[in-house]
N, C-alpha and C. Protein backbone atom coordinates (compact mmCIF):
# COMPACT_ATOMS: atom_id res chain seq x y z
N UNK A 1 -5.62 95.17 46.58
CA UNK A 1 -6.09 95.05 45.36
C UNK A 1 -7.25 95.49 45.11
N UNK A 2 -8.12 96.53 44.68
CA UNK A 2 -8.98 97.39 44.66
C UNK A 2 -10.74 96.00 43.95
N UNK A 3 -11.49 96.91 44.40
CA UNK A 3 -12.76 95.73 43.95
C UNK A 3 -12.82 96.26 42.29
N UNK A 4 -13.56 94.98 41.77
CA UNK A 4 -14.01 95.26 40.24
C UNK A 4 -15.59 94.96 40.52
N UNK A 5 -16.25 95.47 40.81
CA UNK A 5 -17.41 94.51 40.37
C UNK A 5 -17.79 94.21 39.56
N UNK A 6 -18.73 93.33 39.10
CA UNK A 6 -19.52 92.81 37.93
C UNK A 6 -20.02 93.57 37.68
N UNK A 7 -20.62 93.89 36.69
CA UNK A 7 -21.90 94.07 35.69
C UNK A 7 -23.18 93.21 35.56
N UNK A 8 -24.03 93.59 35.88
CA UNK A 8 -25.35 92.77 35.63
C UNK A 8 -25.58 92.67 34.62
N UNK A 9 -25.42 94.02 33.62
CA UNK A 9 -26.21 94.07 32.61
C UNK A 9 -24.79 93.99 31.15
N UNK A 10 -24.26 94.06 31.84
CA UNK A 10 -23.04 94.31 30.66
C UNK A 10 -21.31 93.75 31.28
N UNK A 11 -21.96 92.29 31.24
CA UNK A 11 -20.51 91.52 32.27
C UNK A 11 -18.99 91.87 31.46
N UNK A 12 -18.15 91.72 32.73
CA UNK A 12 -16.58 92.47 32.35
C UNK A 12 -15.86 90.92 32.76
N UNK A 13 -14.95 91.04 32.30
CA UNK A 13 -14.21 89.66 32.59
C UNK A 13 -13.03 89.80 33.41
N UNK A 14 -12.71 90.58 33.95
CA UNK A 14 -11.75 90.85 35.08
C UNK A 14 -12.41 91.34 36.35
N UNK A 15 -13.87 91.17 36.99
CA UNK A 15 -14.24 91.15 37.88
C UNK A 15 -13.75 90.31 39.00
N UNK A 16 -13.88 91.18 40.53
CA UNK A 16 -13.68 90.09 41.66
C UNK A 16 -14.69 90.37 43.07
N UNK A 17 -15.94 91.01 42.40
CA UNK A 17 -16.88 91.11 43.10
C UNK A 17 -18.29 91.09 42.69
N UNK A 18 -19.34 90.96 43.34
CA UNK A 18 -20.86 91.58 43.06
C UNK A 18 -20.65 93.33 43.50
N UNK A 19 -20.43 93.38 44.54
CA UNK A 19 -20.59 94.76 45.25
C UNK A 19 -19.69 95.77 44.82
N UNK A 20 -19.93 96.68 45.39
CA UNK A 20 -18.69 98.08 45.41
C UNK A 20 -18.80 98.03 47.08
N UNK A 21 -17.65 98.52 47.71
CA UNK A 21 -17.91 98.85 48.61
C UNK A 21 -18.90 99.53 48.98
N UNK A 22 -19.49 100.69 48.81
CA UNK A 22 -20.14 101.46 49.25
C UNK A 22 -21.66 100.40 49.13
N UNK A 23 -21.78 99.73 48.28
CA UNK A 23 -22.90 98.80 48.56
C UNK A 23 -22.97 98.05 49.11
N UNK A 24 -21.72 97.51 49.43
CA UNK A 24 -21.52 96.40 50.51
C UNK A 24 -21.93 97.01 51.76
N UNK A 25 -21.40 97.83 52.35
CA UNK A 25 -21.78 98.67 53.50
C UNK A 25 -23.16 98.64 53.73
N UNK A 26 -23.45 99.27 53.07
CA UNK A 26 -25.26 99.84 53.19
C UNK A 26 -26.00 98.54 52.88
N UNK A 27 -25.75 97.39 52.45
CA UNK A 27 -26.31 96.22 52.87
C UNK A 27 -26.14 95.50 53.63
N UNK A 28 -24.92 95.40 54.55
CA UNK A 28 -24.37 94.67 55.48
C UNK A 28 -25.21 95.69 56.63
N UNK A 29 -25.36 96.97 56.64
CA UNK A 29 -26.00 97.53 57.76
C UNK A 29 -27.45 97.00 57.84
N UNK A 30 -28.01 96.98 56.29
CA UNK A 30 -29.42 96.74 56.50
C UNK A 30 -29.75 95.29 57.23
N UNK A 31 -28.34 94.31 57.21
CA UNK A 31 -28.63 92.70 57.86
C UNK A 31 -28.16 92.96 59.12
N UNK A 32 -27.29 94.12 59.72
CA UNK A 32 -26.68 93.94 60.92
C UNK A 32 -25.44 92.81 60.52
N UNK A 33 -24.69 93.12 59.83
CA UNK A 33 -23.49 92.20 59.08
C UNK A 33 -22.19 93.58 59.59
N UNK A 34 -21.14 93.25 60.12
CA UNK A 34 -20.30 93.88 60.49
C UNK A 34 -19.28 93.30 59.25
N UNK A 35 -18.68 94.37 58.39
CA UNK A 35 -17.60 94.37 57.96
C UNK A 35 -16.39 95.14 58.53
N UNK A 36 -14.68 94.86 57.84
CA UNK A 36 -14.12 95.86 58.86
C UNK A 36 -13.97 97.33 58.27
N UNK A 37 -14.00 98.14 59.70
CA UNK A 37 -14.04 99.45 59.11
C UNK A 37 -12.76 100.25 58.29
N UNK A 38 -11.62 99.77 58.17
CA UNK A 38 -10.92 100.07 56.69
C UNK A 38 -11.38 99.53 55.96
N UNK A 39 -11.00 100.54 54.76
CA UNK A 39 -11.61 99.85 53.51
C UNK A 39 -10.64 98.95 52.93
N UNK A 40 -9.52 99.14 53.08
CA UNK A 40 -8.39 98.10 52.35
C UNK A 40 -8.91 97.02 52.80
N UNK A 41 -9.09 96.88 54.28
CA UNK A 41 -9.68 95.17 54.83
C UNK A 41 -11.07 94.79 54.66
N UNK A 42 -11.72 95.82 54.30
CA UNK A 42 -13.47 95.39 53.67
C UNK A 42 -13.44 94.88 52.25
N UNK A 43 -12.19 95.84 51.69
CA UNK A 43 -12.08 95.60 50.39
C UNK A 43 -11.78 93.91 49.87
N UNK A 44 -10.22 93.73 50.98
CA UNK A 44 -9.87 92.28 50.68
C UNK A 44 -10.81 91.14 51.28
N UNK A 45 -11.65 91.61 52.45
CA UNK A 45 -12.48 90.56 52.82
C UNK A 45 -13.96 89.86 51.75
N UNK A 46 -14.48 90.90 51.24
CA UNK A 46 -15.20 91.03 49.81
C UNK A 46 -14.82 90.19 48.88
N UNK A 47 -13.33 90.63 48.48
CA UNK A 47 -12.84 89.68 47.36
C UNK A 47 -12.72 88.15 47.98
N UNK A 48 -12.33 88.22 49.08
CA UNK A 48 -12.03 86.64 49.66
C UNK A 48 -13.86 86.11 49.51
N UNK A 49 -14.71 86.83 50.00
CA UNK A 49 -16.13 86.33 49.98
C UNK A 49 -16.58 86.06 48.71
N UNK A 50 -16.17 87.25 47.58
CA UNK A 50 -16.53 86.56 46.41
C UNK A 50 -16.12 85.41 45.92
N UNK A 51 -14.88 85.02 46.40
CA UNK A 51 -13.92 84.06 45.57
C UNK A 51 -14.82 82.64 45.94
N UNK A 52 -15.04 82.83 47.35
CA UNK A 52 -15.91 81.74 48.34
C UNK A 52 -16.93 81.31 47.72
N UNK A 53 -17.75 82.43 47.11
CA UNK A 53 -18.97 82.00 46.40
C UNK A 53 -18.75 81.07 45.19
N UNK A 54 -17.93 81.93 44.49
CA UNK A 54 -17.14 81.34 43.50
C UNK A 54 -16.58 79.76 42.91
N UNK A 55 -16.55 79.34 44.14
CA UNK A 55 -16.06 78.20 44.73
C UNK A 55 -17.49 76.83 44.31
N UNK A 56 -18.43 77.89 44.85
CA UNK A 56 -19.89 76.72 44.83
C UNK A 56 -20.34 77.00 42.95
N UNK A 57 -19.90 77.10 42.03
CA UNK A 57 -20.22 77.71 40.84
C UNK A 57 -20.76 76.12 40.36
N UNK A 58 -20.00 74.99 40.78
CA UNK A 58 -20.29 73.72 39.96
C UNK A 58 -21.42 73.10 40.60
N UNK A 59 -22.12 73.66 41.72
CA UNK A 59 -23.58 73.38 42.25
C UNK A 59 -24.78 74.36 41.74
N UNK A 60 -24.30 75.61 41.16
CA UNK A 60 -24.86 76.51 40.86
C UNK A 60 -26.12 76.16 39.41
N UNK A 61 -27.46 76.92 39.76
CA UNK A 61 -28.62 76.39 39.04
C UNK A 61 -28.23 77.30 37.62
N UNK A 62 -28.56 76.79 36.71
CA UNK A 62 -28.59 78.05 35.36
C UNK A 62 -27.41 77.85 34.86
N UNK A 63 -26.99 78.92 33.78
CA UNK A 63 -25.68 79.02 32.80
C UNK A 63 -25.30 80.24 32.66
N UNK A 64 -23.85 80.41 32.77
CA UNK A 64 -23.74 81.83 32.56
C UNK A 64 -24.38 82.34 31.49
N UNK A 65 -24.43 83.64 31.52
CA UNK A 65 -24.77 84.41 30.81
C UNK A 65 -24.38 84.93 29.27
N UNK A 66 -23.12 84.85 29.52
CA UNK A 66 -21.99 84.90 28.33
C UNK A 66 -20.67 84.29 28.57
N UNK A 67 -20.37 83.88 27.63
CA UNK A 67 -18.90 82.91 27.35
C UNK A 67 -17.83 83.58 27.83
N UNK A 68 -17.76 85.61 28.11
CA UNK A 68 -16.52 86.05 27.95
C UNK A 68 -16.14 86.60 29.67
N UNK A 69 -17.66 86.51 30.48
CA UNK A 69 -17.48 86.64 31.91
C UNK A 69 -16.66 86.27 32.68
N UNK A 70 -15.79 86.22 33.72
CA UNK A 70 -15.12 85.66 34.41
C UNK A 70 -15.93 84.70 35.77
N UNK A 71 -17.09 85.20 36.00
CA UNK A 71 -18.03 85.08 37.31
C UNK A 71 -18.81 84.29 37.02
N UNK A 72 -19.61 83.29 37.93
CA UNK A 72 -20.57 82.66 37.45
C UNK A 72 -21.72 83.26 37.72
N UNK A 73 -22.06 84.80 38.36
CA UNK A 73 -23.28 85.55 37.87
C UNK A 73 -22.66 86.65 36.89
N UNK A 74 -23.85 87.28 36.01
CA UNK A 74 -25.13 86.85 36.01
C UNK A 74 -24.95 85.26 35.34
N UNK A 75 -26.33 84.87 35.62
CA UNK A 75 -26.66 83.90 34.80
C UNK A 75 -28.53 83.73 34.60
N UNK A 76 -28.32 82.68 33.35
CA UNK A 76 -29.45 82.80 32.62
C UNK A 76 -30.23 80.88 33.55
N UNK A 77 -31.64 81.08 33.38
CA UNK A 77 -32.25 79.75 33.97
C UNK A 77 -32.11 79.53 34.84
N UNK A 78 -31.69 80.54 36.14
CA UNK A 78 -32.25 80.12 37.25
C UNK A 78 -33.60 80.58 37.90
N UNK A 79 -33.99 79.79 38.96
CA UNK A 79 -35.00 79.41 39.50
C UNK A 79 -35.33 79.84 41.04
N UNK A 80 -35.56 80.72 41.69
CA UNK A 80 -35.87 80.97 43.19
C UNK A 80 -36.85 80.57 43.21
N UNK A 81 -37.12 79.44 44.29
CA UNK A 81 -38.57 79.36 44.72
C UNK A 81 -39.69 79.15 43.85
N UNK A 82 -39.15 78.69 42.62
CA UNK A 82 -40.09 78.42 41.48
C UNK A 82 -40.11 79.06 40.79
N UNK A 83 -39.94 80.56 40.75
CA UNK A 83 -39.52 81.68 39.63
C UNK A 83 -38.24 82.01 39.23
N UNK A 84 -38.82 82.12 37.92
CA UNK A 84 -37.65 82.25 36.88
C UNK A 84 -37.11 83.81 37.15
N UNK A 85 -36.05 83.83 37.45
CA UNK A 85 -35.38 84.77 37.45
C UNK A 85 -34.44 85.38 36.24
N UNK A 86 -34.43 87.18 36.35
CA UNK A 86 -33.98 87.54 35.07
C UNK A 86 -32.51 87.37 35.44
N UNK A 87 -31.62 87.44 34.75
CA UNK A 87 -30.06 87.79 34.65
C UNK A 87 -29.51 88.87 35.31
N UNK A 88 -30.40 90.10 35.19
CA UNK A 88 -29.98 91.25 35.76
C UNK A 88 -31.60 91.68 36.83
N UNK A 89 -31.21 92.15 37.99
CA UNK A 89 -29.86 92.58 38.80
C UNK A 89 -29.68 91.27 38.93
N UNK A 90 -28.64 91.38 40.32
CA UNK A 90 -28.39 89.56 40.85
C UNK A 90 -29.09 89.66 41.66
N UNK A 91 -29.69 88.46 42.08
CA UNK A 91 -30.18 88.06 43.19
C UNK A 91 -29.65 88.12 44.29
N UNK A 92 -30.48 89.03 45.04
CA UNK A 92 -30.37 89.35 46.64
C UNK A 92 -29.23 88.15 47.36
N UNK A 93 -29.70 86.91 47.13
CA UNK A 93 -29.10 85.85 48.13
C UNK A 93 -27.64 85.73 47.57
N UNK A 94 -27.22 85.91 46.71
CA UNK A 94 -26.05 86.31 46.03
C UNK A 94 -25.12 87.32 46.96
N UNK A 95 -25.58 88.26 46.53
CA UNK A 95 -25.28 89.75 47.18
C UNK A 95 -24.96 89.55 48.92
N UNK A 96 -25.93 89.14 49.68
CA UNK A 96 -26.05 88.97 51.17
C UNK A 96 -25.14 87.60 50.88
N UNK A 97 -24.56 86.49 50.05
CA UNK A 97 -23.79 85.59 50.67
C UNK A 97 -22.56 86.16 50.65
N UNK A 98 -22.19 86.93 49.86
CA UNK A 98 -20.85 87.58 49.58
C UNK A 98 -20.49 88.17 50.73
N UNK A 99 -21.76 88.87 51.48
CA UNK A 99 -21.38 89.99 52.78
C UNK A 99 -20.87 88.88 53.56
N UNK A 100 -21.83 88.21 53.65
CA UNK A 100 -21.27 87.07 54.92
C UNK A 100 -20.27 86.37 55.06
N UNK A 101 -19.65 85.95 53.70
CA UNK A 101 -18.36 85.49 53.86
C UNK A 101 -17.32 86.38 53.97
N UNK A 102 -17.62 87.81 53.83
CA UNK A 102 -16.84 88.64 53.72
C UNK A 102 -16.71 88.53 55.60
N UNK A 103 -17.85 89.00 55.99
CA UNK A 103 -17.25 89.44 57.43
C UNK A 103 -16.89 88.42 58.25
N UNK A 104 -16.98 87.01 57.73
CA UNK A 104 -16.26 86.23 58.30
C UNK A 104 -14.55 86.09 57.74
N UNK A 105 -14.25 86.56 57.02
CA UNK A 105 -12.85 86.56 56.62
C UNK A 105 -12.43 87.60 57.13
N UNK A 106 -13.19 88.07 57.40
CA UNK A 106 -12.89 89.91 58.32
C UNK A 106 -12.53 89.99 59.36
N UNK A 107 -13.12 89.00 60.33
CA UNK A 107 -12.98 88.59 61.08
C UNK A 107 -11.48 87.67 61.94
N UNK A 108 -11.26 87.39 60.30
CA UNK A 108 -9.68 86.60 60.37
C UNK A 108 -9.92 85.16 60.56
N UNK A 109 -11.14 84.63 60.27
CA UNK A 109 -11.29 83.55 60.07
C UNK A 109 -10.73 82.72 58.21
N UNK A 110 -10.16 81.56 58.24
CA UNK A 110 -9.98 80.67 56.87
C UNK A 110 -11.23 80.10 56.54
N UNK A 111 -11.79 80.10 55.51
CA UNK A 111 -12.91 79.50 55.47
C UNK A 111 -12.43 78.47 54.42
N UNK A 112 -11.80 78.31 53.82
CA UNK A 112 -10.91 77.68 53.15
C UNK A 112 -10.59 76.22 53.96
N UNK A 113 -9.96 76.35 55.46
CA UNK A 113 -9.54 74.73 55.99
C UNK A 113 -8.06 74.94 55.45
N UNK A 114 -7.63 73.59 56.07
CA UNK A 114 -5.78 73.76 55.75
C UNK A 114 -5.40 73.01 54.96
N UNK A 115 -4.49 72.59 54.61
CA UNK A 115 -3.57 72.30 53.33
C UNK A 115 -3.69 70.81 53.36
N UNK A 116 -4.30 70.45 54.98
CA UNK A 116 -4.06 69.16 55.07
C UNK A 116 -5.32 68.66 54.86
N UNK A 117 -6.45 69.08 54.52
CA UNK A 117 -7.62 68.89 54.37
C UNK A 117 -8.36 68.30 55.47
N UNK A 118 -8.05 68.95 56.49
CA UNK A 118 -8.96 68.90 57.51
C UNK A 118 -8.45 67.40 58.48
N UNK A 119 -7.47 66.79 58.22
CA UNK A 119 -6.73 65.63 58.80
C UNK A 119 -5.33 66.15 59.29
N UNK A 120 -5.29 65.64 60.59
CA UNK A 120 -4.26 65.50 61.02
C UNK A 120 -3.72 64.29 61.46
N UNK A 121 -2.21 64.01 61.27
CA UNK A 121 -1.81 62.64 61.27
C UNK A 121 -1.51 62.41 62.97
N UNK A 122 -1.83 61.29 63.23
CA UNK A 122 -0.97 60.86 65.05
C UNK A 122 -0.52 59.69 64.59
N UNK A 123 -0.14 58.80 63.84
CA UNK A 123 0.29 57.92 63.40
C UNK A 123 1.09 57.58 62.21
N UNK A 124 2.17 57.63 61.58
CA UNK A 124 2.16 56.69 60.22
C UNK A 124 3.44 55.37 60.24
N UNK A 125 2.98 54.40 59.42
CA UNK A 125 3.89 53.52 59.36
C UNK A 125 3.96 53.16 57.77
N UNK A 126 5.41 53.26 57.22
CA UNK A 126 5.81 53.11 56.12
C UNK A 126 5.78 51.61 55.60
N UNK A 127 6.27 51.27 56.10
CA UNK A 127 7.00 49.83 55.72
C UNK A 127 5.08 48.41 54.82
N UNK A 128 3.99 48.96 55.77
CA UNK A 128 2.57 48.21 55.62
C UNK A 128 1.70 49.03 55.18
N UNK A 129 2.28 50.73 55.23
CA UNK A 129 1.44 51.86 54.81
C UNK A 129 0.22 51.83 55.50
N UNK A 130 0.43 52.54 56.94
CA UNK A 130 -0.87 52.72 58.08
C UNK A 130 -0.44 53.94 58.18
N UNK A 131 -1.77 54.69 58.17
CA UNK A 131 -1.59 55.90 58.81
C UNK A 131 -3.28 56.08 59.50
N UNK A 132 -2.69 57.25 61.30
CA UNK A 132 -4.14 56.77 62.01
C UNK A 132 -4.03 58.68 61.96
N UNK A 133 -4.79 59.25 62.82
CA UNK A 133 -5.60 60.22 62.36
C UNK A 133 -6.29 60.76 63.90
N UNK A 134 -5.89 62.27 64.34
CA UNK A 134 -6.15 62.25 65.69
C UNK A 134 -7.82 62.62 65.45
N UNK A 135 -8.83 62.98 66.12
CA UNK A 135 -9.80 63.45 66.68
C UNK A 135 -10.77 63.27 65.31
N UNK A 136 -10.91 61.81 65.04
CA UNK A 136 -11.63 61.20 63.91
C UNK A 136 -11.51 61.24 62.71
N UNK A 137 -9.99 61.84 62.79
CA UNK A 137 -9.51 62.45 61.04
C UNK A 137 -9.71 64.27 61.01
N UNK A 138 -9.95 64.77 61.94
CA UNK A 138 -10.41 66.36 61.44
C UNK A 138 -9.48 67.50 62.18
N UNK A 139 -9.05 68.13 62.07
CA UNK A 139 -8.74 69.55 62.91
C UNK A 139 -9.52 70.24 63.03
N UNK A 140 -10.38 70.60 62.65
CA UNK A 140 -11.45 71.32 62.61
C UNK A 140 -11.30 73.08 62.66
N UNK A 141 -10.07 73.05 61.57
CA UNK A 141 -10.15 74.37 61.03
C UNK A 141 -10.69 74.90 59.94
N UNK A 142 -11.26 74.15 59.13
CA UNK A 142 -12.55 74.66 58.48
C UNK A 142 -13.64 75.19 58.99
N UNK A 143 -14.09 75.91 58.79
CA UNK A 143 -15.28 76.76 59.28
C UNK A 143 -16.65 76.17 58.63
N UNK A 144 -17.84 76.08 58.87
CA UNK A 144 -18.97 76.23 58.56
C UNK A 144 -19.89 77.17 59.15
N UNK A 145 -20.64 78.12 57.71
CA UNK A 145 -21.10 79.31 58.16
C UNK A 145 -22.65 78.91 57.87
N UNK A 146 -23.31 78.45 58.61
CA UNK A 146 -24.51 78.23 58.66
C UNK A 146 -25.61 79.41 57.49
N UNK A 147 -25.26 80.64 58.16
CA UNK A 147 -26.06 82.04 57.49
C UNK A 147 -26.02 81.90 56.00
N UNK A 148 -24.52 81.26 55.92
CA UNK A 148 -23.89 81.74 54.43
C UNK A 148 -24.83 80.34 53.76
N UNK A 149 -24.83 79.30 54.23
CA UNK A 149 -25.52 78.27 53.82
C UNK A 149 -26.68 78.21 53.10
N UNK A 150 -27.64 78.42 54.33
CA UNK A 150 -29.02 78.85 54.47
C UNK A 150 -29.31 80.31 53.29
N UNK A 151 -28.11 81.11 53.16
CA UNK A 151 -28.31 82.40 52.39
C UNK A 151 -28.50 81.63 50.94
N UNK A 152 -27.32 81.12 50.60
CA UNK A 152 -26.79 80.85 48.94
C UNK A 152 -27.66 79.52 48.46
N UNK A 153 -28.13 78.75 49.42
CA UNK A 153 -28.90 77.40 49.20
C UNK A 153 -30.01 77.33 48.16
N UNK A 154 -30.75 78.74 47.62
CA UNK A 154 -31.35 78.58 46.42
C UNK A 154 -31.41 78.83 45.53
N UNK A 155 -29.84 78.90 45.25
CA UNK A 155 -28.78 79.26 44.12
C UNK A 155 -28.44 78.20 43.58
N UNK A 156 -28.03 77.06 44.34
CA UNK A 156 -27.55 75.46 43.93
C UNK A 156 -28.37 74.88 43.72
N UNK A 157 -28.12 74.23 42.96
CA UNK A 157 -28.65 72.93 42.33
C UNK A 157 -28.28 71.65 42.60
N UNK A 158 -27.01 71.73 42.86
CA UNK A 158 -26.23 70.57 42.55
C UNK A 158 -26.28 69.61 44.15
N UNK A 159 -25.34 68.57 44.74
CA UNK A 159 -25.30 67.88 45.64
C UNK A 159 -26.14 68.44 46.90
N UNK A 160 -25.32 69.58 47.26
CA UNK A 160 -25.67 70.10 48.86
C UNK A 160 -27.13 71.02 48.70
N UNK A 161 -27.55 70.92 47.68
CA UNK A 161 -29.01 71.12 48.09
C UNK A 161 -30.07 70.69 47.24
N UNK A 162 -31.61 70.92 47.32
CA UNK A 162 -32.53 70.84 46.67
C UNK A 162 -32.81 70.26 45.07
N UNK A 163 -32.83 69.45 44.40
CA UNK A 163 -33.07 69.21 43.16
C UNK A 163 -33.89 70.30 42.55
N UNK A 164 -33.79 70.74 41.45
CA UNK A 164 -34.20 71.68 40.63
C UNK A 164 -34.43 71.23 38.89
N UNK A 165 -35.66 71.20 38.67
CA UNK A 165 -35.72 71.06 36.96
C UNK A 165 -36.94 71.08 36.56
N UNK A 166 -37.15 71.46 35.37
CA UNK A 166 -38.52 71.90 34.81
C UNK A 166 -39.00 70.83 33.62
N UNK A 167 -40.45 70.92 34.13
CA UNK A 167 -41.00 70.04 33.28
C UNK A 167 -42.22 71.27 32.48
N UNK A 168 -42.10 70.33 30.93
CA UNK A 168 -43.03 70.77 29.69
C UNK A 168 -43.24 70.24 29.44
N UNK A 169 -45.04 70.44 28.60
CA UNK A 169 -45.71 69.85 28.68
C UNK A 169 -45.52 69.96 27.10
N UNK A 170 -45.52 69.19 26.37
CA UNK A 170 -45.90 69.44 24.26
C UNK A 170 -46.47 68.47 23.85
């Protein structure tokens, strides 16, 4: 599948990335992030990184710029470090988040976790409905990316980050 970058000034409804492959490689090099050398693999990693960001939309600050775009950005009403951001260009935090998660996908990591939601059953009992889990209930197949979390955090207002609010005098 080819990359279809979102346009910050004239949003499209079929985008699957915030960056072109050329722009992603340039930004990755600037921040010592390694994307797959094969273009097809790099594009797939970027698309997965994009999808990983999109899953965070419920926690994002602001609102979509248009009702026809299929992506969480461009957004209006976003404050980063107490400064109102324009809807164009995309915030650097967004672009970096995509290549950070793309790097992890490119290394073969599954950021989505397993279908068992991280739980490995060690014992089941049907009659009185008893369930026991290994390792305190987790399998460890879902990864956490601290660099990603730290980078995307300024874009979030939901339960995973500090709250943002506006105060008006009137």
